[in-house]
Amino acid sequence: MNATINLEKEHFPVLLDELISIISPLYGGSFIDCTFGHGGYSKKILENKSNKVFAIDRDLKSLKIAEKLKKQFINRLNFEINTFSKIGNIKIEKKNIKAIIFDLGYSLSQIKDPTKGLSFNHKGKLNMKMGLNNYSAHEVINNLSEDSLIKVFKTFGEEKMSKKIAKKIIIEREKKNILNEDLVKIIDEVKKFRKTKVHNSTKIFQSLRIFVNKEISELIYGLINSFKILPTGSIIAVITFHSIEDKIVKFFFRHYSEDKKTSRYLPDQKSPNKLFKLIKKKPILPSLSEISKNPSSRSAKLRYGIKINNTNNFEEFLNKFKYLIEIENLSKKLWKKFIL
């Protein structure tokens, strides 16, 4: 995952100015960039010679970009190929961390990369693996049960035609393995009478990408484990791009920053276990100027919280989104057969 980019030419880290103003890198310190991608945020942070960045990305193709930036910012950039849910395992002086940042978007270069198979126009075997995966979309589409496919499509893609699409997939895969172009054709046939502004395959492809890359559990445990290593007074900032991930991030910050009601007849009680201070409850959105330069930024939302407490009981958070993780765990049926 990394910053979305302009659909025409140049790479633009989304909400860059807004993010930088929040994390205040001018004062110096260490920062963790959990979604390094093209290195846009890390590079901006490293412009201050007092700063260091530890960057993470699961995409092996980010390594080349990181190596180039390392030469530009000698001894100030560390990079690791990993998933950000493993952030607790990185070797960094935790007391100096000023902020941890996440940008949950995908770049145009990733979408256009034929080896990843994220595009509707891709021909051949389904993939959608971003790195460090146990299975691909090919295994999912050609092996997961009809009921499981419906759950994935409906929950992660919010696709209203999930049942009909899943049923058609089951019929067609009896004849042969379904390829990328076959899946697009199946979806088009099911939705041929539905007119929308977005591509017919958008929601199904989104659901498969989330499922294959375990984006829900990655985000949930990435947030929890980031909190655990973050010193009090420091910041977690997250840029989301679709409603499911924004719902998770919104709950994480709001739920753990609010005073709890013991009764609707009594005033709110000051909670001694609040974890965050929120400067803004509503998300920060891209300006019209940014959207005109980079149309793919239009769905971005930036939320952040300042850590104020070391208590870390996240049982309510995990229970709130347990149903999403349970759907991700339908993939366990594929592990034994297709683990890499």
C-alpha atoms as a PDB file:
ATOM      1  CA  MET A   1       0.000   0.000   0.000  1.00  0.00           C
ATOM      2  CA  ASN A   2       1.205   3.463  -0.727  1.00  0.00           C
ATOM      3  CA  ALA A   3       0.249   6.892  -1.893  1.00  0.00           C
ATOM      4  CA  THR A   4      -2.151   7.155  -4.774  1.00  0.00           C
ATOM      5  CA  ILE A   5      -0.793   9.021  -7.748  1.00  0.00           C
ATOM      6  CA  ASN A   6      -1.922  11.297 -10.526  1.00  0.00           C
ATOM      7  CA  LEU A   7      -3.490   9.331 -13.337  1.00  0.00           C
ATOM      8  CA  GLU A   8      -1.489  11.174 -15.967  1.00  0.00           C
ATOM      9  CA  LYS A   9       2.119  11.830 -15.064  1.00  0.00           C
ATOM     10  CA  GLU A  10       3.643  12.553 -11.723  1.00  0.00           C
ATOM     11  CA  HIS A  11       3.648  10.839  -8.329  1.00  0.00           C
ATOM     12  CA  PHE A  12       1.746  12.801  -5.672  1.00  0.00           C
ATOM     13  CA  PRO A  13       1.629  11.673  -2.028  1.00  0.00           C
ATOM     14  CA  VAL A  14      -1.958  12.381  -0.990  1.00  0.00           C
ATOM     15  CA  LEU A  15      -2.627  15.089   1.634  1.00  0.00           C
ATOM     16  CA  LEU A  16       1.130  15.596   1.998  1.00  0.00           C
ATOM     17  CA  ASP A  17       1.046  19.185   3.286  1.00  0.00           C
ATOM     18  CA  GLU A  18      -1.746  18.403   5.735  1.00  0.00           C
ATOM     19  CA  LEU A  19       0.058  15.339   7.065  1.00  0.00           C
ATOM     20  CA  ILE A  20       3.364  17.164   7.472  1.00  0.00           C
ATOM     21  CA  SER A  21       1.681  20.000   9.371  1.00  0.00           C
ATOM     22  CA  ILE A  22       0.224  17.423  11.794  1.00  0.00           C
ATOM     23  CA  ILE A  23       3.355  15.393  12.538  1.00  0.00           C
ATOM     24  CA  SER A  24       5.623  18.476  12.766  1.00  0.00           C
ATOM     25  CA  PRO A  25       8.893  16.995  11.440  1.00  0.00           C
ATOM     26  CA  LEU A  26      10.566  20.402  11.705  1.00  0.00           C
ATOM     27  CA  TYR A  27      11.239  19.702  15.380  1.00  0.00           C
ATOM     28  CA  GLY A  28      13.272  16.561  14.699  1.00  0.00           C
ATOM     29  CA  GLY A  29      12.858  12.928  15.722  1.00  0.00           C
ATOM     30  CA  SER A  30      12.159   9.464  14.375  1.00  0.00           C
ATOM     31  CA  PHE A  31       9.179   8.635  12.196  1.00  0.00           C
ATOM     32  CA  ILE A  32       7.766   5.328  10.974  1.00  0.00           C
ATOM     33  CA  ASP A  33       6.330   5.231   7.464  1.00  0.00           C
ATOM     34  CA  CYS A  34       4.257   2.042   7.385  1.00  0.00           C
ATOM     35  CA  THR A  35       3.436   2.262   3.675  1.00  0.00           C
ATOM     36  CA  PHE A  36       6.641   3.491   2.036  1.00  0.00           C
ATOM     37  CA  GLY A  37       5.637   2.906  -1.605  1.00  0.00           C
ATOM     38  CA  HIS A  38       7.337   5.570  -3.732  1.00  0.00           C
ATOM     39  CA  GLY A  39       8.809   7.214  -0.638  1.00  0.00           C
ATOM     40  CA  GLY A  40       6.940  10.509  -0.963  1.00  0.00           C
ATOM     41  CA  TYR A  41       6.178  11.011   2.736  1.00  0.00           C
ATOM     42  CA  SER A  42       9.553   9.697   3.893  1.00  0.00           C
ATOM     43  CA  LYS A  43      11.425  11.992   1.530  1.00  0.00           C
ATOM     44  CA  LYS A  44       9.533  15.043   2.744  1.00  0.00           C
ATOM     45  CA  ILE A  45      10.181  14.160   6.398  1.00  0.00           C
ATOM     46  CA  LEU A  46      13.885  13.595   5.693  1.00  0.00           C
ATOM     47  CA  GLU A  47      14.294  17.108   4.275  1.00  0.00           C
ATOM     48  CA  ASN A  48      14.944  18.087   7.895  1.00  0.00           C
ATOM     49  CA  LYS A  49      18.451  16.821   8.698  1.00  0.00           C
ATOM     50  CA  SER A  50      17.435  16.154  12.310  1.00  0.00           C
ATOM     51  CA  ASN A  51      14.954  13.457  11.264  1.00  0.00           C
ATOM     52  CA  LYS A  52      15.229   9.721  10.775  1.00  0.00           C
ATOM     53  CA  VAL A  53      12.674   7.447   9.101  1.00  0.00           C
ATOM     54  CA  PHE A  54      12.067   3.758   9.486  1.00  0.00           C
ATOM     55  CA  ALA A  55       9.999   2.645   6.507  1.00  0.00           C
ATOM     56  CA  ILE A  56       8.041  -0.538   5.870  1.00  0.00           C
ATOM     57  CA  ASP A  57       6.417  -1.947   2.747  1.00  0.00           C
ATOM     58  CA  ARG A  58       5.293  -5.417   1.723  1.00  0.00           C
ATOM     59  CA  ASP A  59       5.906  -4.741  -1.983  1.00  0.00           C
ATOM     60  CA  LEU A  60       9.375  -5.927  -3.046  1.00  0.00           C
ATOM     61  CA  LYS A  61       9.453  -3.284  -5.778  1.00  0.00           C
ATOM     62  CA  SER A  62       9.659  -0.594  -3.091  1.00  0.00           C
ATOM     63  CA  LEU A  63      13.128  -1.833  -2.175  1.00  0.00           C
ATOM     64  CA  LYS A  64      14.740  -0.262  -5.237  1.00  0.00           C
ATOM     65  CA  ILE A  65      13.218   3.133  -4.426  1.00  0.00           C
ATOM     66  CA  ALA A  66      14.311   2.831  -0.786  1.00  0.00           C
ATOM     67  CA  GLU A  67      17.902   2.001  -1.776  1.00  0.00           C
ATOM     68  CA  LYS A  68      18.030   5.131  -3.935  1.00  0.00           C
ATOM     69  CA  LEU A  69      16.740   7.327  -1.092  1.00  0.00           C
ATOM     70  CA  LYS A  70      19.216   5.758   1.338  1.00  0.00           C
ATOM     71  CA  LYS A  71      22.053   7.139  -0.780  1.00  0.00           C
ATOM     72  CA  GLN A  72      20.458  10.580  -0.690  1.00  0.00           C
ATOM     73  CA  PHE A  73      19.793  10.506   3.074  1.00  0.00           C
ATOM     74  CA  ILE A  74      22.797   8.627   4.430  1.00  0.00           C
ATOM     75  CA  ASN A  75      22.233   6.862   7.765  1.00  0.00           C
ATOM     76  CA  ARG A  76      18.812   8.453   8.180  1.00  0.00           C
ATOM     77  CA  LEU A  77      16.561   6.003   6.323  1.00  0.00           C
ATOM     78  CA  ASN A  78      16.058   2.390   7.284  1.00  0.00           C
ATOM     79  CA  PHE A  79      13.811   0.173   5.179  1.00  0.00           C
ATOM     80  CA  GLU A  80      12.328  -3.257   5.707  1.00  0.00           C
ATOM     81  CA  ILE A  81      10.189  -5.512   3.542  1.00  0.00           C
ATOM     82  CA  ASN A  82       7.392  -6.487   5.903  1.00  0.00           C
ATOM     83  CA  THR A  83       3.685  -6.115   6.588  1.00  0.00           C
ATOM     84  CA  PHE A  84       2.867  -3.253   8.928  1.00  0.00           C
ATOM     85  CA  SER A  85       1.003  -5.509  11.353  1.00  0.00           C
ATOM     86  CA  LYS A  86       4.534  -6.658  12.339  1.00  0.00           C
ATOM     87  CA  ILE A  87       5.547  -3.131  13.313  1.00  0.00           C
ATOM     88  CA  GLY A  88       6.203  -4.250  16.885  1.00  0.00           C
ATOM     89  CA  ASN A  89       9.114  -6.366  15.669  1.00  0.00           C
ATOM     90  CA  ILE A  90      11.143  -3.586  14.085  1.00  0.00           C
ATOM     91  CA  LYS A  91      14.350  -2.495  15.775  1.00  0.00           C
ATOM     92  CA  ILE A  92      14.033   1.195  16.574  1.00  0.00           C
ATOM     93  CA  GLU A  93      14.614   3.404  19.600  1.00  0.00           C
ATOM     94  CA  LYS A  94      10.941   3.649  20.535  1.00  0.00           C
ATOM     95  CA  LYS A  95      11.264   6.607  22.915  1.00  0.00           C
ATOM     96  CA  ASN A  96      12.236   8.870  20.010  1.00  0.00           C
ATOM     97  CA  ILE A  97       9.258   8.056  17.742  1.00  0.00           C
ATOM     98  CA  LYS A  98       7.324  11.232  16.953  1.00  0.00           C
ATOM     99  CA  ALA A  99       4.728   9.781  14.584  1.00  0.00           C
ATOM    100  CA  ILE A 100       3.632   6.647  12.775  1.00  0.00           C
ATOM    101  CA  ILE A 101       1.929   7.160   9.416  1.00  0.00           C
ATOM    102  CA  PHE A 102      -0.205   4.940   7.182  1.00  0.00           C
ATOM    103  CA  ASP A 103      -1.369   5.670   3.643  1.00  0.00           C
ATOM    104  CA  LEU A 104      -3.720   2.852   2.658  1.00  0.00           C
ATOM    105  CA  GLY A 105      -3.985   3.671  -1.049  1.00  0.00           C
ATOM    106  CA  TYR A 106      -2.485   1.980  -4.100  1.00  0.00           C
ATOM    107  CA  SER A 107      -0.354   3.667  -6.724  1.00  0.00           C
ATOM    108  CA  LEU A 108      -1.042   3.713 -10.447  1.00  0.00           C
ATOM    109  CA  SER A 109       2.246   1.877 -11.003  1.00  0.00           C
ATOM    110  CA  GLN A 110       0.971  -0.976  -8.830  1.00  0.00           C
ATOM    111  CA  ILE A 111      -2.393  -1.009 -10.606  1.00  0.00           C
ATOM    112  CA  LYS A 112      -0.690  -1.073 -14.004  1.00  0.00           C
ATOM    113  CA  ASP A 113       1.881  -3.706 -12.985  1.00  0.00           C
ATOM    114  CA  PRO A 114       0.893  -6.857 -14.939  1.00  0.00           C
ATOM    115  CA  THR A 115       2.597  -9.090 -12.365  1.00  0.00           C
ATOM    116  CA  LYS A 116       0.140  -7.915  -9.684  1.00  0.00           C
ATOM    117  CA  GLY A 117      -3.030  -8.250 -11.732  1.00  0.00           C
ATOM    118  CA  LEU A 118      -4.938  -5.412 -10.055  1.00  0.00           C
ATOM    119  CA  SER A 119      -6.295  -3.982 -13.300  1.00  0.00           C
ATOM    120  CA  PHE A 120      -9.522  -4.959 -15.055  1.00  0.00           C
ATOM    121  CA  ASN A 121      -7.508  -4.842 -18.310  1.00  0.00           C
ATOM    122  CA  HIS A 122      -4.977  -7.436 -17.181  1.00  0.00           C
ATOM    123  CA  LYS A 123      -4.994 -10.647 -19.228  1.00  0.00           C
ATOM    124  CA  GLY A 124      -4.171 -14.023 -17.765  1.00  0.00           C
ATOM    125  CA  LYS A 125      -4.067 -15.536 -14.314  1.00  0.00           C
ATOM    126  CA  LEU A 126      -5.674 -13.646 -11.442  1.00  0.00           C
ATOM    127  CA  ASN A 127      -3.192 -12.494  -8.812  1.00  0.00           C
ATOM    128  CA  MET A 128      -3.596  -9.336  -6.638  1.00  0.00           C
ATOM    129  CA  LYS A 129      -0.753 -10.323  -4.286  1.00  0.00           C
ATOM    130  CA  MET A 130       1.040  -7.239  -2.988  1.00  0.00           C
ATOM    131  CA  GLY A 131       3.809  -9.212  -1.297  1.00  0.00           C
ATOM    132  CA  LEU A 132       4.230 -11.699   1.557  1.00  0.00           C
ATOM    133  CA  ASN A 133       0.979 -13.479   0.658  1.00  0.00           C
ATOM    134  CA  ASN A 134      -0.114 -17.079   1.167  1.00  0.00           C
ATOM    135  CA  TYR A 135      -2.426 -17.283  -1.861  1.00  0.00           C
ATOM    136  CA  SER A 136      -3.613 -15.320  -4.869  1.00  0.00           C
ATOM    137  CA  ALA A 137      -6.978 -14.271  -6.296  1.00  0.00           C
ATOM    138  CA  HIS A 138      -6.627 -17.202  -8.715  1.00  0.00           C
ATOM    139  CA  GLU A 139      -6.850 -19.694  -5.853  1.00  0.00           C
ATOM    140  CA  VAL A 140      -9.702 -17.751  -4.260  1.00  0.00           C
ATOM    141  CA  ILE A 141     -11.908 -17.521  -7.360  1.00  0.00           C
ATOM    142  CA  ASN A 142     -11.257 -21.081  -8.512  1.00  0.00           C
ATOM    143  CA  ASN A 143     -11.491 -22.858  -5.149  1.00  0.00           C
ATOM    144  CA  LEU A 144     -13.463 -20.953  -2.522  1.00  0.00           C
ATOM    145  CA  SER A 145     -17.048 -22.159  -1.996  1.00  0.00           C
ATOM    146  CA  GLU A 146     -20.022 -20.255  -3.376  1.00  0.00           C
ATOM    147  CA  ASP A 147     -21.138 -19.224   0.104  1.00  0.00           C
ATOM    148  CA  SER A 148     -17.653 -17.972   0.984  1.00  0.00           C
ATOM    149  CA  LEU A 149     -17.373 -15.994  -2.259  1.00  0.00           C
ATOM    150  CA  ILE A 150     -20.706 -14.328  -1.534  1.00  0.00           C
ATOM    151  CA  LYS A 151     -19.482 -13.263   1.920  1.00  0.00           C
ATOM    152  CA  VAL A 152     -16.230 -11.867   0.501  1.00  0.00           C
ATOM    153  CA  PHE A 153     -17.957  -9.941  -2.308  1.00  0.00           C
ATOM    154  CA  LYS A 154     -20.770  -8.603  -0.144  1.00  0.00           C
ATOM    155  CA  THR A 155     -18.683  -7.616   2.870  1.00  0.00           C
ATOM    156  CA  PHE A 156     -15.436  -6.365   1.347  1.00  0.00           C
ATOM    157  CA  GLY A 157     -16.874  -5.066  -1.928  1.00  0.00           C
ATOM    158  CA  GLU A 158     -20.350  -4.065  -0.767  1.00  0.00           C
ATOM    159  CA  GLU A 159     -21.519  -5.640  -4.033  1.00  0.00           C
ATOM    160  CA  LYS A 160     -25.310  -5.952  -4.304  1.00  0.00           C
ATOM    161  CA  MET A 161     -25.067  -8.606  -7.023  1.00  0.00           C
ATOM    162  CA  SER A 162     -22.782 -10.857  -4.953  1.00  0.00           C
ATOM    163  CA  LYS A 163     -25.035 -13.943  -5.047  1.00  0.00           C
ATOM    164  CA  LYS A 164     -25.556 -13.901  -8.801  1.00  0.00           C
ATOM    165  CA  ILE A 165     -21.883 -13.258  -9.514  1.00  0.00           C
ATOM    166  CA  ALA A 166     -20.738 -16.039  -7.174  1.00  0.00           C
ATOM    167  CA  LYS A 167     -23.232 -18.481  -8.692  1.00  0.00           C
ATOM    168  CA  LYS A 168     -22.018 -17.646 -12.211  1.00  0.00           C
ATOM    169  CA  ILE A 169     -18.395 -18.123 -11.131  1.00  0.00           C
ATOM    170  CA  ILE A 170     -19.167 -21.610  -9.765  1.00  0.00           C
ATOM    171  CA  ILE A 171     -20.818 -22.602 -13.058  1.00  0.00           C
ATOM    172  CA  GLU A 172     -18.016 -21.248 -15.242  1.00  0.00           C
ATOM    173  CA  ARG A 173     -15.136 -22.692 -13.225  1.00  0.00           C
ATOM    174  CA  GLU A 174     -16.530 -26.184 -13.767  1.00  0.00           C
ATOM    175  CA  LYS A 175     -15.515 -25.723 -17.398  1.00  0.00           C
ATOM    176  CA  LYS A 176     -12.011 -24.266 -16.833  1.00  0.00           C
ATOM    177  CA  ASN A 177      -9.951 -22.130 -14.454  1.00  0.00           C
ATOM    178  CA  ILE A 178     -11.213 -18.572 -14.459  1.00  0.00           C
ATOM    179  CA  LEU A 179      -8.698 -15.977 -15.645  1.00  0.00           C
ATOM    180  CA  ASN A 180      -8.755 -12.220 -15.119  1.00  0.00           C
ATOM    181  CA  GLU A 181     -10.577 -11.500 -18.367  1.00  0.00           C
ATOM    182  CA  ASP A 182     -13.056 -14.304 -17.638  1.00  0.00           C
ATOM    183  CA  LEU A 183     -13.962 -12.773 -14.294  1.00  0.00           C
ATOM    184  CA  VAL A 184     -14.529  -9.356 -15.878  1.00  0.00           C
ATOM    185  CA  LYS A 185     -16.764 -10.986 -18.508  1.00  0.00           C
ATOM    186  CA  ILE A 186     -18.760 -12.869 -15.852  1.00  0.00           C
ATOM    187  CA  ILE A 187     -19.366  -9.664 -13.882  1.00  0.00           C
ATOM    188  CA  ASP A 188     -20.356  -7.758 -17.041  1.00  0.00           C
ATOM    189  CA  GLU A 189     -22.848 -10.472 -17.982  1.00  0.00           C
ATOM    190  CA  VAL A 190     -24.460 -10.431 -14.534  1.00  0.00           C
ATOM    191  CA  LYS A 191     -24.601  -6.635 -14.386  1.00  0.00           C
ATOM    192  CA  LYS A 192     -25.377  -5.947 -18.060  1.00  0.00           C
ATOM    193  CA  PHE A 193     -28.602  -4.085 -17.276  1.00  0.00           C
ATOM    194  CA  ARG A 194     -27.104  -1.962 -14.492  1.00  0.00           C
ATOM    195  CA  LYS A 195     -25.762   1.441 -15.491  1.00  0.00           C
ATOM    196  CA  THR A 196     -23.231   3.021 -13.130  1.00  0.00           C
ATOM    197  CA  LYS A 197     -20.394   5.508 -13.425  1.00  0.00           C
ATOM    198  CA  VAL A 198     -17.860   3.054 -12.037  1.00  0.00           C
ATOM    199  CA  HIS A 199     -16.558  -0.041 -13.820  1.00  0.00           C
ATOM    200  CA  ASN A 200     -18.730  -3.119 -13.259  1.00  0.00           C
ATOM    201  CA  SER A 201     -15.784  -5.030 -11.785  1.00  0.00           C
ATOM    202  CA  THR A 202     -14.665  -2.371  -9.301  1.00  0.00           C
ATOM    203  CA  LYS A 203     -16.344  -3.783  -6.200  1.00  0.00           C
ATOM    204  CA  ILE A 204     -15.473  -7.432  -6.876  1.00  0.00           C
ATOM    205  CA  PHE A 205     -11.833  -6.579  -7.565  1.00  0.00           C
ATOM    206  CA  GLN A 206     -11.710  -4.477  -4.388  1.00  0.00           C
ATOM    207  CA  SER A 207     -13.109  -7.347  -2.343  1.00  0.00           C
ATOM    208  CA  LEU A 208     -10.583  -9.821  -3.757  1.00  0.00           C
ATOM    209  CA  ARG A 209      -7.681  -7.438  -3.167  1.00  0.00           C
ATOM    210  CA  ILE A 210      -8.743  -6.924   0.466  1.00  0.00           C
ATOM    211  CA  PHE A 211      -9.191 -10.669   0.972  1.00  0.00           C
ATOM    212  CA  VAL A 212      -5.929 -11.756  -0.704  1.00  0.00           C
ATOM    213  CA  ASN A 213      -3.836  -9.176   1.171  1.00  0.00           C
ATOM    214  CA  LYS A 214      -5.707  -9.562   4.468  1.00  0.00           C
ATOM    215  CA  GLU A 215      -6.093  -5.792   4.536  1.00  0.00           C
ATOM    216  CA  ILE A 216      -8.594  -5.801   7.400  1.00  0.00           C
ATOM    217  CA  SER A 217      -6.505  -7.721   9.933  1.00  0.00           C
ATOM    218  CA  GLU A 218      -3.393  -5.917   8.705  1.00  0.00           C
ATOM    219  CA  LEU A 219      -5.013  -2.570   9.480  1.00  0.00           C
ATOM    220  CA  ILE A 220      -6.498  -3.612  12.819  1.00  0.00           C
ATOM    221  CA  TYR A 221      -3.287  -5.149  14.161  1.00  0.00           C
ATOM    222  CA  GLY A 222      -1.187  -2.451  12.523  1.00  0.00           C
ATOM    223  CA  LEU A 223      -3.082   0.169  14.545  1.00  0.00           C
ATOM    224  CA  ILE A 224      -2.930  -1.827  17.786  1.00  0.00           C
ATOM    225  CA  ASN A 225       0.766  -2.630  17.500  1.00  0.00           C
ATOM    226  CA  SER A 226       1.598   0.936  16.462  1.00  0.00           C
ATOM    227  CA  PHE A 227      -0.080   2.186  19.616  1.00  0.00           C
ATOM    228  CA  LYS A 228       1.943  -0.242  21.738  1.00  0.00           C
ATOM    229  CA  ILE A 229       5.325   1.057  20.542  1.00  0.00           C
ATOM    230  CA  LEU A 230       4.368   4.734  20.397  1.00  0.00           C
ATOM    231  CA  PRO A 231       5.463   7.018  23.265  1.00  0.00           C
ATOM    232  CA  THR A 232       2.812   9.217  24.881  1.00  0.00           C
ATOM    233  CA  GLY A 233       2.546  12.595  23.182  1.00  0.00           C
ATOM    234  CA  SER A 234       3.260  11.096  19.763  1.00  0.00           C
ATOM    235  CA  ILE A 235       0.913  10.683  16.807  1.00  0.00           C
ATOM    236  CA  ILE A 236      -0.693   7.967  14.707  1.00  0.00           C
ATOM    237  CA  ALA A 237      -1.963   9.313  11.368  1.00  0.00           C
ATOM    238  CA  VAL A 238      -3.898   7.277   8.803  1.00  0.00           C
ATOM    239  CA  ILE A 239      -5.081   8.088   5.283  1.00  0.00           C
ATOM    240  CA  THR A 240      -7.942   5.870   4.125  1.00  0.00           C
ATOM    241  CA  PHE A 241      -9.586   5.482   0.724  1.00  0.00           C
ATOM    242  CA  HIS A 242     -12.701   3.351   1.142  1.00  0.00           C
ATOM    243  CA  SER A 243     -15.543   3.115   3.637  1.00  0.00           C
ATOM    244  CA  ILE A 244     -14.538  -0.175   5.303  1.00  0.00           C
ATOM    245  CA  GLU A 245     -11.053   0.911   6.314  1.00  0.00           C
ATOM    246  CA  ASP A 246     -12.285   4.393   7.277  1.00  0.00           C
ATOM    247  CA  LYS A 247     -14.926   2.845   9.542  1.00  0.00           C
ATOM    248  CA  ILE A 248     -12.171   0.902  11.341  1.00  0.00           C
ATOM    249  CA  VAL A 249      -9.871   3.900  11.723  1.00  0.00           C
ATOM    250  CA  LYS A 250     -12.709   6.204  12.804  1.00  0.00           C
ATOM    251  CA  PHE A 251     -13.810   3.787  15.535  1.00  0.00           C
ATOM    252  CA  PHE A 252     -10.216   3.257  16.719  1.00  0.00           C
ATOM    253  CA  PHE A 253      -9.614   6.959  17.311  1.00  0.00           C
ATOM    254  CA  ARG A 254     -13.085   8.023  18.459  1.00  0.00           C
ATOM    255  CA  HIS A 255     -13.886   5.101  20.740  1.00  0.00           C
ATOM    256  CA  TYR A 256     -10.607   5.434  22.610  1.00  0.00           C
ATOM    257  CA  SER A 257     -10.819   9.217  22.949  1.00  0.00           C
ATOM    258  CA  GLU A 258     -14.343   9.618  24.293  1.00  0.00           C
ATOM    259  CA  ASP A 259     -15.654   9.820  27.839  1.00  0.00           C
ATOM    260  CA  LYS A 260     -17.953   6.885  28.518  1.00  0.00           C
ATOM    261  CA  LYS A 261     -21.611   7.163  29.561  1.00  0.00           C
ATOM    262  CA  THR A 262     -22.579   5.123  32.609  1.00  0.00           C
ATOM    263  CA  SER A 263     -26.208   6.196  32.228  1.00  0.00           C
ATOM    264  CA  ARG A 264     -28.100   8.349  29.763  1.00  0.00           C
ATOM    265  CA  TYR A 265     -29.520  10.239  32.752  1.00  0.00           C
ATOM    266  CA  LEU A 266     -26.083  11.176  34.064  1.00  0.00           C
ATOM    267  CA  PRO A 267     -23.406  13.394  32.542  1.00  0.00           C
ATOM    268  CA  ASP A 268     -20.459  11.779  30.771  1.00  0.00           C
ATOM    269  CA  GLN A 269     -17.889  10.369  33.157  1.00  0.00           C
ATOM    270  CA  LYS A 270     -14.268  11.325  32.672  1.00  0.00           C
ATOM    271  CA  SER A 271     -12.578   8.141  31.514  1.00  0.00           C
ATOM    272  CA  PRO A 272      -9.168   7.476  33.091  1.00  0.00           C
ATOM    273  CA  ASN A 273      -8.404   5.075  30.243  1.00  0.00           C
ATOM    274  CA  LYS A 274      -8.783   7.365  27.248  1.00  0.00           C
ATOM    275  CA  LEU A 275      -5.952   6.557  24.840  1.00  0.00           C
ATOM    276  CA  PHE A 276      -6.049   9.469  22.418  1.00  0.00           C
ATOM    277  CA  LYS A 277      -6.559  13.187  22.257  1.00  0.00           C
ATOM    278  CA  LEU A 278      -8.275  14.207  19.023  1.00  0.00           C
ATOM    279  CA  ILE A 279      -7.666  17.694  17.706  1.00  0.00           C
ATOM    280  CA  LYS A 280     -10.215  17.094  14.955  1.00  0.00           C
ATOM    281  CA  LYS A 281     -13.087  14.604  15.131  1.00  0.00           C
ATOM    282  CA  LYS A 282     -13.911  14.923  11.460  1.00  0.00           C
ATOM    283  CA  PRO A 283     -11.462  13.717   8.805  1.00  0.00           C
ATOM    284  CA  ILE A 284      -9.231  16.060   6.856  1.00  0.00           C
ATOM    285  CA  LEU A 285     -10.094  15.956   3.146  1.00  0.00           C
ATOM    286  CA  PRO A 286      -8.105  16.916   0.039  1.00  0.00           C
ATOM    287  CA  SER A 287      -8.517  20.448  -1.222  1.00  0.00           C
ATOM    288  CA  LEU A 288     -10.189  21.127  -4.550  1.00  0.00           C
ATOM    289  CA  SER A 289      -6.769  22.149  -5.845  1.00  0.00           C
ATOM    290  CA  GLU A 290      -5.264  18.767  -4.932  1.00  0.00           C
ATOM    291  CA  ILE A 291      -8.183  16.862  -6.442  1.00  0.00           C
ATOM    292  CA  SER A 292      -7.801  18.792  -9.711  1.00  0.00           C
ATOM    293  CA  LYS A 293      -4.120  17.801  -9.872  1.00  0.00           C
ATOM    294  CA  ASN A 294      -4.679  14.263  -8.628  1.00  0.00           C
ATOM    295  CA  PRO A 295      -8.282  13.057  -9.167  1.00  0.00           C
ATOM    296  CA  SER A 296      -7.616   9.748  -7.395  1.00  0.00           C
ATOM    297  CA  SER A 297      -7.148  11.669  -4.134  1.00  0.00           C
ATOM    298  CA  ARG A 298     -10.853  12.597  -4.002  1.00  0.00           C
ATOM    299  CA  SER A 299     -11.801   9.672  -1.733  1.00  0.00           C
ATOM    300  CA  ALA A 300      -8.910  10.178   0.720  1.00  0.00           C
ATOM    301  CA  LYS A 301      -9.595  10.879   4.399  1.00  0.00           C
ATOM    302  CA  LEU A 302      -6.915  11.721   6.948  1.00  0.00           C
ATOM    303  CA  ARG A 303      -7.545  10.932  10.623  1.00  0.00           C
ATOM    304  CA  TYR A 304      -5.062  11.163  13.476  1.00  0.00           C
ATOM    305  CA  GLY A 305      -4.777  10.914  17.231  1.00  0.00           C
ATOM    306  CA  ILE A 306      -2.235  11.921  19.871  1.00  0.00           C
ATOM    307  CA  LYS A 307      -1.425   9.166  22.349  1.00  0.00           C
ATOM    308  CA  ILE A 308      -2.090  10.205  25.971  1.00  0.00           C
ATOM    309  CA  ASN A 309      -2.202   6.895  27.827  1.00  0.00           C
ATOM    310  CA  ASN A 310      -0.255   3.628  27.861  1.00  0.00           C
ATOM    311  CA  THR A 311      -3.261   1.428  28.668  1.00  0.00           C
ATOM    312  CA  ASN A 312      -3.713  -0.969  25.776  1.00  0.00           C
ATOM    313  CA  ASN A 313      -6.805  -3.109  26.193  1.00  0.00           C
ATOM    314  CA  PHE A 314      -8.245  -3.334  22.675  1.00  0.00           C
ATOM    315  CA  GLU A 315     -10.849  -6.030  23.304  1.00  0.00           C
ATOM    316  CA  GLU A 316     -13.760  -3.771  22.294  1.00  0.00           C
ATOM    317  CA  PHE A 317     -11.974  -2.783  19.081  1.00  0.00           C
ATOM    318  CA  LEU A 318     -11.306  -6.418  18.166  1.00  0.00           C
ATOM    319  CA  ASN A 319     -14.851  -7.468  18.999  1.00  0.00           C
ATOM    320  CA  LYS A 320     -16.321  -4.625  16.947  1.00  0.00           C
ATOM    321  CA  PHE A 321     -14.669  -5.911  13.766  1.00  0.00           C
ATOM    322  CA  LYS A 322     -14.459  -9.593  14.607  1.00  0.00           C
ATOM    323  CA  TYR A 323     -16.932 -10.406  11.839  1.00  0.00           C
ATOM    324  CA  LEU A 324     -14.587  -8.920   9.214  1.00  0.00           C
ATOM    325  CA  ILE A 325     -11.613 -10.933  10.442  1.00  0.00           C
ATOM    326  CA  GLU A 326     -13.771 -14.072  10.449  1.00  0.00           C
ATOM    327  CA  ILE A 327     -14.512 -13.533   6.757  1.00  0.00           C
ATOM    328  CA  GLU A 328     -10.797 -13.032   6.063  1.00  0.00           C
ATOM    329  CA  ASN A 329     -10.178 -16.305   7.871  1.00  0.00           C
ATOM    330  CA  LEU A 330     -12.234 -18.168   5.296  1.00  0.00           C
ATOM    331  CA  SER A 331      -8.884 -18.193   3.503  1.00  0.00           C
ATOM    332  CA  LYS A 332      -7.652 -20.870   5.906  1.00  0.00           C
ATOM    333  CA  LYS A 333      -9.431 -23.358   3.668  1.00  0.00           C
ATOM    334  CA  LEU A 334      -6.857 -22.484   0.989  1.00  0.00           C
ATOM    335  CA  TRP A 335      -3.689 -22.432   3.110  1.00  0.00           C
ATOM    336  CA  LYS A 336      -2.797 -26.119   3.173  1.00  0.00           C
ATOM    337  CA  LYS A 337      -3.203 -26.488  -0.569  1.00  0.00           C
ATOM    338  CA  PHE A 338      -1.704 -23.249  -1.848  1.00  0.00           C
ATOM    339  CA  ILE A 339       0.714 -21.932   0.792  1.00  0.00           C
ATOM    340  CA  LEU A 340       3.846 -20.607  -0.918  1.00  0.00           C
END
